[in-house]
PDB file of N, CA and C in Angstrom:
ATOM      1  N   MET A   1       0.843  -1.182   0.000  1.00  0.00           N
ATOM      2  CA  MET A   1       0.000   0.000   0.000  1.00  0.00           C
ATOM      3  C   MET A   1       0.883   1.237   0.000  1.00  0.00           C
ATOM      4  N   ALA A   2       0.527   2.195  -0.808  1.00  0.00           N
ATOM      5  CA  ALA A   2       1.283   3.439  -0.892  1.00  0.00           C
ATOM      6  C   ALA A   2       1.054   4.279   0.356  1.00  0.00           C
ATOM      7  N   GLU A   3       2.110   4.970   0.769  1.00  0.00           N
ATOM      8  CA  GLU A   3       1.999   5.853   1.919  1.00  0.00           C
ATOM      9  C   GLU A   3       1.092   7.028   1.568  1.00  0.00           C
ATOM     10  N   LEU A   4       0.282   7.443   2.520  1.00  0.00           N
ATOM     11  CA  LEU A   4      -0.649   8.550   2.283  1.00  0.00           C
ATOM     12  C   LEU A   4       0.059   9.864   2.625  1.00  0.00           C
ATOM     13  N   THR A   5       0.998  10.240   1.758  1.00  0.00           N
ATOM     14  CA  THR A   5       1.773  11.462   1.944  1.00  0.00           C
ATOM     15  C   THR A   5       0.888  12.678   1.649  1.00  0.00           C
ATOM     16  N   PRO A   6       1.320  13.861   2.043  1.00  0.00           N
ATOM     17  CA  PRO A   6       0.551  15.062   1.683  1.00  0.00           C
ATOM     18  C   PRO A   6       0.348  15.184   0.168  1.00  0.00           C
ATOM     19  N   GLU A   7       1.365  14.791  -0.602  1.00  0.00           N
ATOM     20  CA  GLU A   7       1.247  14.860  -2.066  1.00  0.00           C
ATOM     21  C   GLU A   7       0.186  13.888  -2.579  1.00  0.00           C
ATOM     22  N   LYS A   8       0.167  12.685  -2.009  1.00  0.00           N
ATOM     23  CA  LYS A   8      -0.832  11.688  -2.411  1.00  0.00           C
ATOM     24  C   LYS A   8      -2.231  12.145  -2.020  1.00  0.00           C
ATOM     25  N   ARG A   9      -2.367  12.726  -0.816  1.00  0.00           N
ATOM     26  CA  ARG A   9      -3.680  13.238  -0.399  1.00  0.00           C
ATOM     27  C   ARG A   9      -4.147  14.344  -1.339  1.00  0.00           C
ATOM     28  N   ALA A  10      -3.228  15.212  -1.762  1.00  0.00           N
ATOM     29  CA  ALA A  10      -3.584  16.282  -2.705  1.00  0.00           C
ATOM     30  C   ALA A  10      -4.002  15.699  -4.048  1.00  0.00           C
ATOM     31  N   GLU A  11      -3.323  14.643  -4.475  1.00  0.00           N
ATOM     32  CA  GLU A  11      -3.671  13.968  -5.733  1.00  0.00           C
ATOM     33  C   GLU A  11      -5.074  13.357  -5.643  1.00  0.00           C
ATOM     34  N   ILE A  12      -5.365  12.688  -4.533  1.00  0.00           N
ATOM     35  CA  ILE A  12      -6.691  12.095  -4.343  1.00  0.00           C
ATOM     36  C   ILE A  12      -7.756  13.185  -4.305  1.00  0.00           C
ATOM     37  N   GLN A  13      -7.474  14.280  -3.590  1.00  0.00           N
ATOM     38  CA  GLN A  13      -8.446  15.374  -3.500  1.00  0.00           C
ATOM     39  C   GLN A  13      -8.710  15.990  -4.869  1.00  0.00           C
ATOM     40  N   ALA A  14      -7.679  16.106  -5.698  1.00  0.00           N
ATOM     41  CA  ALA A  14      -7.854  16.630  -7.057  1.00  0.00           C
ATOM     42  C   ALA A  14      -8.762  15.706  -7.873  1.00  0.00           C
ATOM     43  N   LEU A  15      -8.596  14.392  -7.710  1.00  0.00           N
ATOM     44  CA  LEU A  15      -9.472  13.440  -8.406  1.00  0.00           C
ATOM     45  C   LEU A  15     -10.918  13.588  -7.934  1.00  0.00           C
ATOM     46  N   VAL A  16     -11.104  13.723  -6.621  1.00  0.00           N
ATOM     47  CA  VAL A  16     -12.450  13.909  -6.055  1.00  0.00           C
ATOM     48  C   VAL A  16     -13.079  15.182  -6.618  1.00  0.00           C
ATOM     49  N   ASP A  17     -12.309  16.262  -6.617  1.00  0.00           N
ATOM     50  CA  ASP A  17     -12.831  17.558  -7.072  1.00  0.00           C
ATOM     51  C   ASP A  17     -13.183  17.560  -8.559  1.00  0.00           C
ATOM     52  N   ALA A  18     -12.443  16.778  -9.359  1.00  0.00           N
ATOM     53  CA  ALA A  18     -12.669  16.766 -10.809  1.00  0.00           C
ATOM     54  C   ALA A  18     -13.780  15.803 -11.236  1.00  0.00           C
ATOM     55  N   ALA A  19     -14.158  14.874 -10.375  1.00  0.00           N
ATOM     56  CA  ALA A  19     -15.156  13.867 -10.740  1.00  0.00           C
ATOM     57  C   ALA A  19     -16.555  14.462 -10.810  1.00  0.00           C
ATOM     58  N   THR A  20     -17.424  13.785 -11.544  1.00  0.00           N
ATOM     59  CA  THR A  20     -18.831  14.171 -11.616  1.00  0.00           C
ATOM     60  C   THR A  20     -19.406  14.202 -10.204  1.00  0.00           C
ATOM     61  N   PRO A  21     -20.151  15.251  -9.863  1.00  0.00           N
ATOM     62  CA  PRO A  21     -20.691  15.351  -8.497  1.00  0.00           C
ATOM     63  C   PRO A  21     -21.618  14.186  -8.149  1.00  0.00           C
ATOM     64  N   PRO A  22     -21.703  13.873  -6.838  1.00  0.00           N
ATOM     65  CA  PRO A  22     -22.632  12.831  -6.397  1.00  0.00           C
ATOM     66  C   PRO A  22     -24.067  13.344  -6.431  1.00  0.00           C
ATOM     67  N   PRO A  23     -25.039  12.503  -6.226  1.00  0.00           N
ATOM     68  CA  PRO A  23     -24.921  11.088  -5.887  1.00  0.00           C
ATOM     69  C   PRO A  23     -24.771  10.221  -7.126  1.00  0.00           C
ATOM     70  N   TRP A  24     -24.097   9.103  -6.916  1.00  0.00           N
ATOM     71  CA  TRP A  24     -23.973   8.070  -7.927  1.00  0.00           C
ATOM     72  C   TRP A  24     -24.722   6.848  -7.423  1.00  0.00           C
ATOM     73  N   GLU A  25     -25.176   6.025  -8.351  1.00  0.00           N
ATOM     74  CA  GLU A  25     -25.845   4.787  -7.971  1.00  0.00           C
ATOM     75  C   GLU A  25     -25.437   3.673  -8.913  1.00  0.00           C
ATOM     76  N   GLN A  26     -25.491   2.464  -8.376  1.00  0.00           N
ATOM     77  CA  GLN A  26     -25.223   1.294  -9.188  1.00  0.00           C
ATOM     78  C   GLN A  26     -26.508   0.899  -9.890  1.00  0.00           C
ATOM     79  N   CYS A  27     -26.390   0.537 -11.155  1.00  0.00           N
ATOM     80  CA  CYS A  27     -27.525   0.036 -11.925  1.00  0.00           C
ATOM     81  C   CYS A  27     -26.985  -1.136 -12.749  1.00  0.00           C
ATOM     82  N   GLY A  28     -27.059  -2.335 -12.175  1.00  0.00           N
ATOM     83  CA  GLY A  28     -26.485  -3.509 -12.845  1.00  0.00           C
ATOM     84  C   GLY A  28     -24.976  -3.387 -12.904  1.00  0.00           C
ATOM     85  N   ASN A  29     -24.424  -3.422 -14.134  1.00  0.00           N
ATOM     86  CA  ASN A  29     -22.981  -3.293 -14.282  1.00  0.00           C
ATOM     87  C   ASN A  29     -22.561  -1.856 -14.590  1.00  0.00           C
ATOM     88  N   HIS A  30     -23.486  -0.918 -14.459  1.00  0.00           N
ATOM     89  CA  HIS A  30     -23.201   0.503 -14.697  1.00  0.00           C
ATOM     90  C   HIS A  30     -23.193   1.279 -13.380  1.00  0.00           C
ATOM     91  N   VAL A  31     -22.519   2.417 -13.421  1.00  0.00           N
ATOM     92  CA  VAL A  31     -22.608   3.403 -12.343  1.00  0.00           C
ATOM     93  C   VAL A  31     -23.109   4.666 -13.033  1.00  0.00           C
ATOM     94  N   ARG A  32     -24.158   5.238 -12.475  1.00  0.00           N
ATOM     95  CA  ARG A  32     -24.735   6.430 -13.102  1.00  0.00           C
ATOM     96  C   ARG A  32     -25.043   7.476 -12.037  1.00  0.00           C
ATOM     97  N   THR A  33     -25.238   8.689 -12.513  1.00  0.00           N
ATOM     98  CA  THR A  33     -25.623   9.771 -11.614  1.00  0.00           C
ATOM     99  C   THR A  33     -27.118   9.705 -11.386  1.00  0.00           C
ATOM    100  N   LYS A  34     -27.563  10.313 -10.310  1.00  0.00           N
ATOM    101  CA  LYS A  34     -29.003  10.413 -10.053  1.00  0.00           C
ATOM    102  C   LYS A  34     -29.376  11.887 -10.186  1.00  0.00           C
ATOM    103  N   PHE A  35     -30.308  12.195 -11.053  1.00  0.00           N
ATOM    104  CA  PHE A  35     -30.764  13.567 -11.232  1.00  0.00           C
ATOM    105  C   PHE A  35     -32.273  13.651 -11.080  1.00  0.00           C
ATOM    106  N   ASN A  36     -32.733  14.058  -9.939  1.00  0.00           N
ATOM    107  CA  ASN A  36     -34.156  14.343  -9.689  1.00  0.00           C
ATOM    108  C   ASN A  36     -35.115  13.424 -10.431  1.00  0.00           C
ATOM    109  N   GLY A  37     -34.996  12.130 -10.244  1.00  0.00           N
ATOM    110  CA  GLY A  37     -35.930  11.196 -10.846  1.00  0.00           C
ATOM    111  C   GLY A  37     -35.574  10.765 -12.254  1.00  0.00           C
ATOM    112  N   SER A  38     -34.642  11.451 -12.915  1.00  0.00           N
ATOM    113  CA  SER A  38     -34.260  11.023 -14.261  1.00  0.00           C
ATOM    114  C   SER A  38     -33.289   9.852 -14.142  1.00  0.00           C
ATOM    115  N   GLY A  39     -32.975   9.242 -15.244  1.00  0.00           N
ATOM    116  CA  GLY A  39     -32.060   8.111 -15.240  1.00  0.00           C
ATOM    117  C   GLY A  39     -30.616   8.502 -15.030  1.00  0.00           C
ATOM    118  N   GLY A  40     -30.308   9.786 -15.057  1.00  0.00           N
ATOM    119  CA  GLY A  40     -28.924  10.220 -14.921  1.00  0.00           C
ATOM    120  C   GLY A  40     -28.122   9.812 -16.134  1.00  0.00           C
ATOM    121  N   PHE A  41     -26.809   9.870 -16.010  1.00  0.00           N
ATOM    122  CA  PHE A  41     -25.978   9.411 -17.109  1.00  0.00           C
ATOM    123  C   PHE A  41     -24.862   8.534 -16.570  1.00  0.00           C
ATOM    124  N   ILE A  42     -24.375   7.657 -17.426  1.00  0.00           N
ATOM    125  CA  ILE A  42     -23.392   6.655 -17.018  1.00  0.00           C
ATOM    126  C   ILE A  42     -22.040   7.316 -16.800  1.00  0.00           C
ATOM    127  N   VAL A  43     -21.435   7.022 -15.637  1.00  0.00           N
ATOM    128  CA  VAL A  43     -20.083   7.505 -15.339  1.00  0.00           C
ATOM    129  C   VAL A  43     -19.068   6.361 -15.354  1.00  0.00           C
ATOM    130  N   ALA A  44     -19.535   5.114 -15.287  1.00  0.00           N
ATOM    131  CA  ALA A  44     -18.634   3.954 -15.352  1.00  0.00           C
ATOM    132  C   ALA A  44     -19.428   2.732 -15.795  1.00  0.00           C
ATOM    133  N   GLU A  45     -18.743   1.856 -16.500  1.00  0.00           N
ATOM    134  CA  GLU A  45     -19.361   0.598 -16.917  1.00  0.00           C
ATOM    135  C   GLU A  45     -18.360  -0.523 -16.664  1.00  0.00           C
ATOM    136  N   CYS A  46     -18.808  -1.543 -15.964  1.00  0.00           N
ATOM    137  CA  CYS A  46     -17.954  -2.694 -15.658  1.00  0.00           C
ATOM    138  C   CYS A  46     -18.302  -3.822 -16.628  1.00  0.00           C
ATOM    139  N   PRO A  47     -17.307  -4.395 -17.312  1.00  0.00           N
ATOM    140  CA  PRO A  47     -17.577  -5.434 -18.299  1.00  0.00           C
ATOM    141  C   PRO A  47     -18.300  -6.639 -17.701  1.00  0.00           C
ATOM    142  N   VAL A  48     -19.361  -7.073 -18.357  1.00  0.00           N
ATOM    143  CA  VAL A  48     -20.148  -8.195 -17.855  1.00  0.00           C
ATOM    144  C   VAL A  48     -19.344  -9.493 -17.893  1.00  0.00           C
ATOM    145  N   ALA A  49     -18.287  -9.546 -18.700  1.00  0.00           N
ATOM    146  CA  ALA A  49     -17.445 -10.741 -18.760  1.00  0.00           C
ATOM    147  C   ALA A  49     -16.736 -10.974 -17.422  1.00  0.00           C
ATOM    148  N   ASP A  50     -16.581  -9.943 -16.640  1.00  0.00           N
ATOM    149  CA  ASP A  50     -15.964 -10.073 -15.320  1.00  0.00           C
ATOM    150  C   ASP A  50     -17.024 -10.581 -14.350  1.00  0.00           C
ATOM    151  N   PRO A  51     -16.796 -11.705 -13.698  1.00  0.00           N
ATOM    152  CA  PRO A  51     -17.818 -12.248 -12.799  1.00  0.00           C
ATOM    153  C   PRO A  51     -18.145 -11.323 -11.619  1.00  0.00           C
ATOM    154  N   ASN A  52     -17.287 -10.368 -11.353  1.00  0.00           N
ATOM    155  CA  ASN A  52     -17.514  -9.427 -10.248  1.00  0.00           C
ATOM    156  C   ASN A  52     -18.088  -8.092 -10.722  1.00  0.00           C
ATOM    157  N   HIS A  53     -18.646  -8.053 -11.932  1.00  0.00           N
ATOM    158  CA  HIS A  53     -19.067  -6.778 -12.510  1.00  0.00           C
ATOM    159  C   HIS A  53     -20.069  -6.021 -11.631  1.00  0.00           C
ATOM    160  N   THR A  54     -21.011  -6.705 -11.025  1.00  0.00           N
ATOM    161  CA  THR A  54     -22.003  -6.038 -10.181  1.00  0.00           C
ATOM    162  C   THR A  54     -21.350  -5.498  -8.909  1.00  0.00           C
ATOM    163  N   ALA A  55     -20.501  -6.287  -8.277  1.00  0.00           N
ATOM    164  CA  ALA A  55     -19.801  -5.834  -7.071  1.00  0.00           C
ATOM    165  C   ALA A  55     -18.857  -4.677  -7.391  1.00  0.00           C
ATOM    166  N   ASN A  56     -18.193  -4.731  -8.552  1.00  0.00           N
ATOM    167  CA  ASN A  56     -17.299  -3.638  -8.942  1.00  0.00           C
ATOM    168  C   ASN A  56     -18.083  -2.339  -9.142  1.00  0.00           C
ATOM    169  N   ALA A  57     -19.227  -2.438  -9.791  1.00  0.00           N
ATOM    170  CA  ALA A  57     -20.055  -1.247 -10.013  1.00  0.00           C
ATOM    171  C   ALA A  57     -20.548  -0.681  -8.683  1.00  0.00           C
ATOM    172  N   ALA A  58     -20.947  -1.548  -7.763  1.00  0.00           N
ATOM    173  CA  ALA A  58     -21.395  -1.084  -6.442  1.00  0.00           C
ATOM    174  C   ALA A  58     -20.254  -0.383  -5.713  1.00  0.00           C
ATOM    175  N   PHE A  59     -19.049  -0.946  -5.806  1.00  0.00           N
ATOM    176  CA  PHE A  59     -17.883  -0.346  -5.158  1.00  0.00           C
ATOM    177  C   PHE A  59     -17.591   1.038  -5.724  1.00  0.00           C
ATOM    178  N   ILE A  60     -17.588   1.157  -7.039  1.00  0.00           N
ATOM    179  CA  ILE A  60     -17.314   2.445  -7.688  1.00  0.00           C
ATOM    180  C   ILE A  60     -18.359   3.478  -7.288  1.00  0.00           C
ATOM    181  N   ALA A  61     -19.625   3.092  -7.302  1.00  0.00           N
ATOM    182  CA  ALA A  61     -20.696   4.026  -6.934  1.00  0.00           C
ATOM    183  C   ALA A  61     -20.526   4.506  -5.495  1.00  0.00           C
ATOM    184  N   ASP A  62     -20.182   3.599  -4.603  1.00  0.00           N
ATOM    185  CA  ASP A  62     -20.040   3.943  -3.190  1.00  0.00           C
ATOM    186  C   ASP A  62     -18.854   4.868  -2.938  1.00  0.00           C
ATOM    187  N   THR A  63     -17.776   4.690  -3.684  1.00  0.00           N
ATOM    188  CA  THR A  63     -16.570   5.479  -3.428  1.00  0.00           C
ATOM    189  C   THR A  63     -16.759   6.967  -3.699  1.00  0.00           C
ATOM    190  N   ARG A  64     -17.752   7.340  -4.506  1.00  0.00           N
ATOM    191  CA  ARG A  64     -17.941   8.765  -4.831  1.00  0.00           C
ATOM    192  C   ARG A  64     -18.212   9.591  -3.585  1.00  0.00           C
ATOM    193  N   GLU A  65     -18.900   9.020  -2.614  1.00  0.00           N
ATOM    194  CA  GLU A  65     -19.158   9.754  -1.377  1.00  0.00           C
ATOM    195  C   GLU A  65     -18.288   9.259  -0.221  1.00  0.00           C
ATOM    196  N   THR A  66     -17.829   8.023  -0.296  1.00  0.00           N
ATOM    197  CA  THR A  66     -17.003   7.476   0.778  1.00  0.00           C
ATOM    198  C   THR A  66     -15.597   8.070   0.777  1.00  0.00           C
ATOM    199  N   VAL A  67     -14.988   8.225  -0.388  1.00  0.00           N
ATOM    200  CA  VAL A  67     -13.624   8.764  -0.442  1.00  0.00           C
ATOM    201  C   VAL A  67     -13.568  10.185   0.133  1.00  0.00           C
ATOM    202  N   PRO A  68     -14.459  11.109  -0.257  1.00  0.00           N
ATOM    203  CA  PRO A  68     -14.406  12.430   0.379  1.00  0.00           C
ATOM    204  C   PRO A  68     -14.621  12.377   1.901  1.00  0.00           C
ATOM    205  N   ALA A  69     -15.492  11.473   2.356  1.00  0.00           N
ATOM    206  CA  ALA A  69     -15.717  11.340   3.801  1.00  0.00           C
ATOM    207  C   ALA A  69     -14.454  10.826   4.495  1.00  0.00           C
ATOM    208  N   LEU A  70     -13.768   9.863   3.882  1.00  0.00           N
ATOM    209  CA  LEU A  70     -12.525   9.351   4.459  1.00  0.00           C
ATOM    210  C   LEU A  70     -11.433  10.414   4.461  1.00  0.00           C
ATOM    211  N   MET A  71     -11.378  11.216   3.411  1.00  0.00           N
ATOM    212  CA  MET A  71     -10.390  12.302   3.360  1.00  0.00           C
ATOM    213  C   MET A  71     -10.646  13.307   4.483  1.00  0.00           C
ATOM    214  N   ALA A  72     -11.907  13.641   4.706  1.00  0.00           N
ATOM    215  CA  ALA A  72     -12.255  14.587   5.780  1.00  0.00           C
ATOM    216  C   ALA A  72     -11.920  14.000   7.147  1.00  0.00           C
ATOM    217  N   GLU A  73     -12.203  12.730   7.348  1.00  0.00           N
ATOM    218  CA  GLU A  73     -11.890  12.081   8.627  1.00  0.00           C
ATOM    219  C   GLU A  73     -10.388  12.020   8.840  1.00  0.00           C
ATOM    220  N   ASN A  74      -9.637  11.738   7.790  1.00  0.00           N
ATOM    221  CA  ASN A  74      -8.181  11.713   7.888  1.00  0.00           C
ATOM    222  C   ASN A  74      -7.658  13.082   8.305  1.00  0.00           C
ATOM    223  N   ALA A  75      -8.165  14.141   7.700  1.00  0.00           N
ATOM    224  CA  ALA A  75      -7.735  15.500   8.048  1.00  0.00           C
ATOM    225  C   ALA A  75      -8.090  15.820   9.497  1.00  0.00           C
ATOM    226  N   ARG A  76      -9.276  15.415   9.934  1.00  0.00           N
ATOM    227  CA  ARG A  76      -9.705  15.671  11.308  1.00  0.00           C
ATOM    228  C   ARG A  76      -8.783  14.951  12.290  1.00  0.00           C
ATOM    229  N   LEU A  77      -8.467  13.698  12.007  1.00  0.00           N
ATOM    230  CA  LEU A  77      -7.598  12.932  12.892  1.00  0.00           C
ATOM    231  C   LEU A  77      -6.177  13.500  12.921  1.00  0.00           C
ATOM    232  N   GLU A  78      -5.688  13.955  11.774  1.00  0.00           N
ATOM    233  CA  GLU A  78      -4.359  14.576  11.749  1.00  0.00           C
ATOM    234  C   GLU A  78      -4.328  15.836  12.614  1.00  0.00           C
ATOM    235  N   GLU A  79      -5.390  16.645  12.553  1.00  0.00           N
ATOM    236  CA  GLU A  79      -5.460  17.845  13.395  1.00  0.00           C
ATOM    237  C   GLU A  79      -5.489  17.464  14.868  1.00  0.00           C
ATOM    238  N   GLU A  80      -6.234  16.421  15.195  1.00  0.00           N
ATOM    239  CA  GLU A  80      -6.327  15.971  16.579  1.00  0.00           C
ATOM    240  C   GLU A  80      -4.975  15.453  17.077  1.00  0.00           C
ATOM    241  N   ILE A  81      -4.287  14.704  16.245  1.00  0.00           N
ATOM    242  CA  ILE A  81      -2.959  14.205  16.615  1.00  0.00           C
ATOM    243  C   ILE A  81      -2.004  15.373  16.838  1.00  0.00           C
ATOM    244  N   GLU A  82      -2.024  16.336  15.940  1.00  0.00           N
ATOM    245  CA  GLU A  82      -1.152  17.509  16.073  1.00  0.00           C
ATOM    246  C   GLU A  82      -1.445  18.267  17.361  1.00  0.00           C
ATOM    247  N   PHE A  83      -2.726  18.402  17.704  1.00  0.00           N
ATOM    248  CA  PHE A  83      -3.113  19.062  18.953  1.00  0.00           C
ATOM    249  C   PHE A  83      -2.512  18.329  20.150  1.00  0.00           C
ATOM    250  N   PHE A  84      -2.640  17.005  20.172  1.00  0.00           N
ATOM    251  CA  PHE A  84      -2.125  16.233  21.303  1.00  0.00           C
ATOM    252  C   PHE A  84      -0.603  16.260  21.367  1.00  0.00           C
ATOM    253  N   ILE A  85       0.050  16.248  20.224  1.00  0.00           N
ATOM    254  CA  ILE A  85       1.512  16.361  20.214  1.00  0.00           C
ATOM    255  C   ILE A  85       1.930  17.690  20.830  1.00  0.00           C
ATOM    256  N   GLU A  86       1.288  18.773  20.398  1.00  0.00           N
ATOM    257  CA  GLU A  86       1.616  20.088  20.946  1.00  0.00           C
ATOM    258  C   GLU A  86       1.307  20.156  22.435  1.00  0.00           C
ATOM    259  N   TYR A  87       0.214  19.536  22.855  1.00  0.00           N
ATOM    260  CA  TYR A  87      -0.157  19.514  24.270  1.00  0.00           C
ATOM    261  C   TYR A  87       0.913  18.802  25.101  1.00  0.00           C
ATOM    262  N   VAL A  88       1.346  17.640  24.616  1.00  0.00           N
ATOM    263  CA  VAL A  88       2.367  16.877  25.344  1.00  0.00           C
ATOM    264  C   VAL A  88       3.673  17.657  25.380  1.00  0.00           C
ATOM    265  N   LEU A  89       4.058  18.249  24.256  1.00  0.00           N
ATOM    266  CA  LEU A  89       5.308  19.009  24.219  1.00  0.00           C
ATOM    267  C   LEU A  89       5.250  20.240  25.119  1.00  0.00           C
ATOM    268  N   ALA A  90       4.080  20.877  25.184  1.00  0.00           N
ATOM    269  CA  ALA A  90       3.930  22.044  26.059  1.00  0.00           C
ATOM    270  C   ALA A  90       3.964  21.622  27.528  1.00  0.00           C
ATOM    271  N   SER A  91       3.430  20.456  27.816  1.00  0.00           N
ATOM    272  CA  SER A  91       3.378  19.955  29.191  1.00  0.00           C
ATOM    273  C   SER A  91       4.718  19.401  29.663  1.00  0.00           C
ATOM    274  N   HIS A  92       5.554  18.986  28.706  1.00  0.00           N
ATOM    275  CA  HIS A  92       6.831  18.351  29.045  1.00  0.00           C
ATOM    276  C   HIS A  92       7.947  18.980  28.202  1.00  0.00           C
ATOM    277  N   PRO A  93       8.410  20.153  28.588  1.00  0.00           N
ATOM    278  CA  PRO A  93       9.430  20.859  27.800  1.00  0.00           C
ATOM    279  C   PRO A  93      10.705  20.043  27.579  1.00  0.00           C
ATOM    280  N   ILE A  94      10.932  19.046  28.415  1.00  0.00           N
ATOM    281  CA  ILE A  94      12.136  18.228  28.259  1.00  0.00           C
ATOM    282  C   ILE A  94      12.122  17.456  26.933  1.00  0.00           C
ATOM    283  N   LEU A  95      10.960  17.350  26.311  1.00  0.00           N
ATOM    284  CA  LEU A  95      10.834  16.634  25.040  1.00  0.00           C
ATOM    285  C   LEU A  95      11.239  17.490  23.842  1.00  0.00           C
ATOM    286  N   ARG A  96      11.720  18.716  24.121  1.00  0.00           N
ATOM    287  CA  ARG A  96      12.183  19.596  23.033  1.00  0.00           C
ATOM    288  C   ARG A  96      13.695  19.770  23.135  1.00  0.00           C
ATOM    289  N   ASN A  97      14.329  19.935  21.992  1.00  0.00           N
ATOM    290  CA  ASN A  97      15.768  20.194  22.000  1.00  0.00           C
ATOM    291  C   ASN A  97      16.008  21.686  22.276  1.00  0.00           C
ATOM    292  N   PRO A  98      17.249  22.126  22.403  1.00  0.00           N
ATOM    293  CA  PRO A  98      17.505  23.544  22.708  1.00  0.00           C
ATOM    294  C   PRO A  98      16.932  24.532  21.694  1.00  0.00           C
ATOM    295  N   ASP A  99      16.711  24.059  20.458  1.00  0.00           N
ATOM    296  CA  ASP A  99      16.119  24.935  19.434  1.00  0.00           C
ATOM    297  C   ASP A  99      14.607  24.982  19.510  1.00  0.00           C
ATOM    298  N   GLY A 100      14.023  24.241  20.460  1.00  0.00           N
ATOM    299  CA  GLY A 100      12.575  24.221  20.626  1.00  0.00           C
ATOM    300  C   GLY A 100      11.845  23.201  19.779  1.00  0.00           C
ATOM    301  N   GLU A 101      12.602  22.382  19.040  1.00  0.00           N
ATOM    302  CA  GLU A 101      11.971  21.360  18.188  1.00  0.00           C
ATOM    303  C   GLU A 101      11.742  20.080  18.974  1.00  0.00           C
ATOM    304  N   ALA A 102      10.695  19.363  18.609  1.00  0.00           N
ATOM    305  CA  ALA A 102      10.408  18.085  19.274  1.00  0.00           C
ATOM    306  C   ALA A 102      11.544  17.109  19.008  1.00  0.00           C
ATOM    307  N   ILE A 103      11.903  16.340  20.038  1.00  0.00           N
ATOM    308  CA  ILE A 103      12.974  15.346  19.854  1.00  0.00           C
ATOM    309  C   ILE A 103      12.365  13.969  19.638  1.00  0.00           C
TER     310      ILE A 103
END
């Protein structure tokens, strides 16, 4: 698995931002948008020759809203970790070197 570096997170966010807006839904081996009762339009098609075509389409449809939610949760957790690191460092100055950086 690739490390989720800041550059990789920015790359994923760019993909999210450029994709067709949600909601998406699975319809057989297709993934399509939902527009106020209309059939929407196809954003992905999984080949029926693949025995997992229905599961693949469901996965793709779900990721349109799940990936942005996971990105937001990751950012929230990173902020929380940073807060606790700063709290511990402020509470225990011995954990900093003479330049004030965490050791």
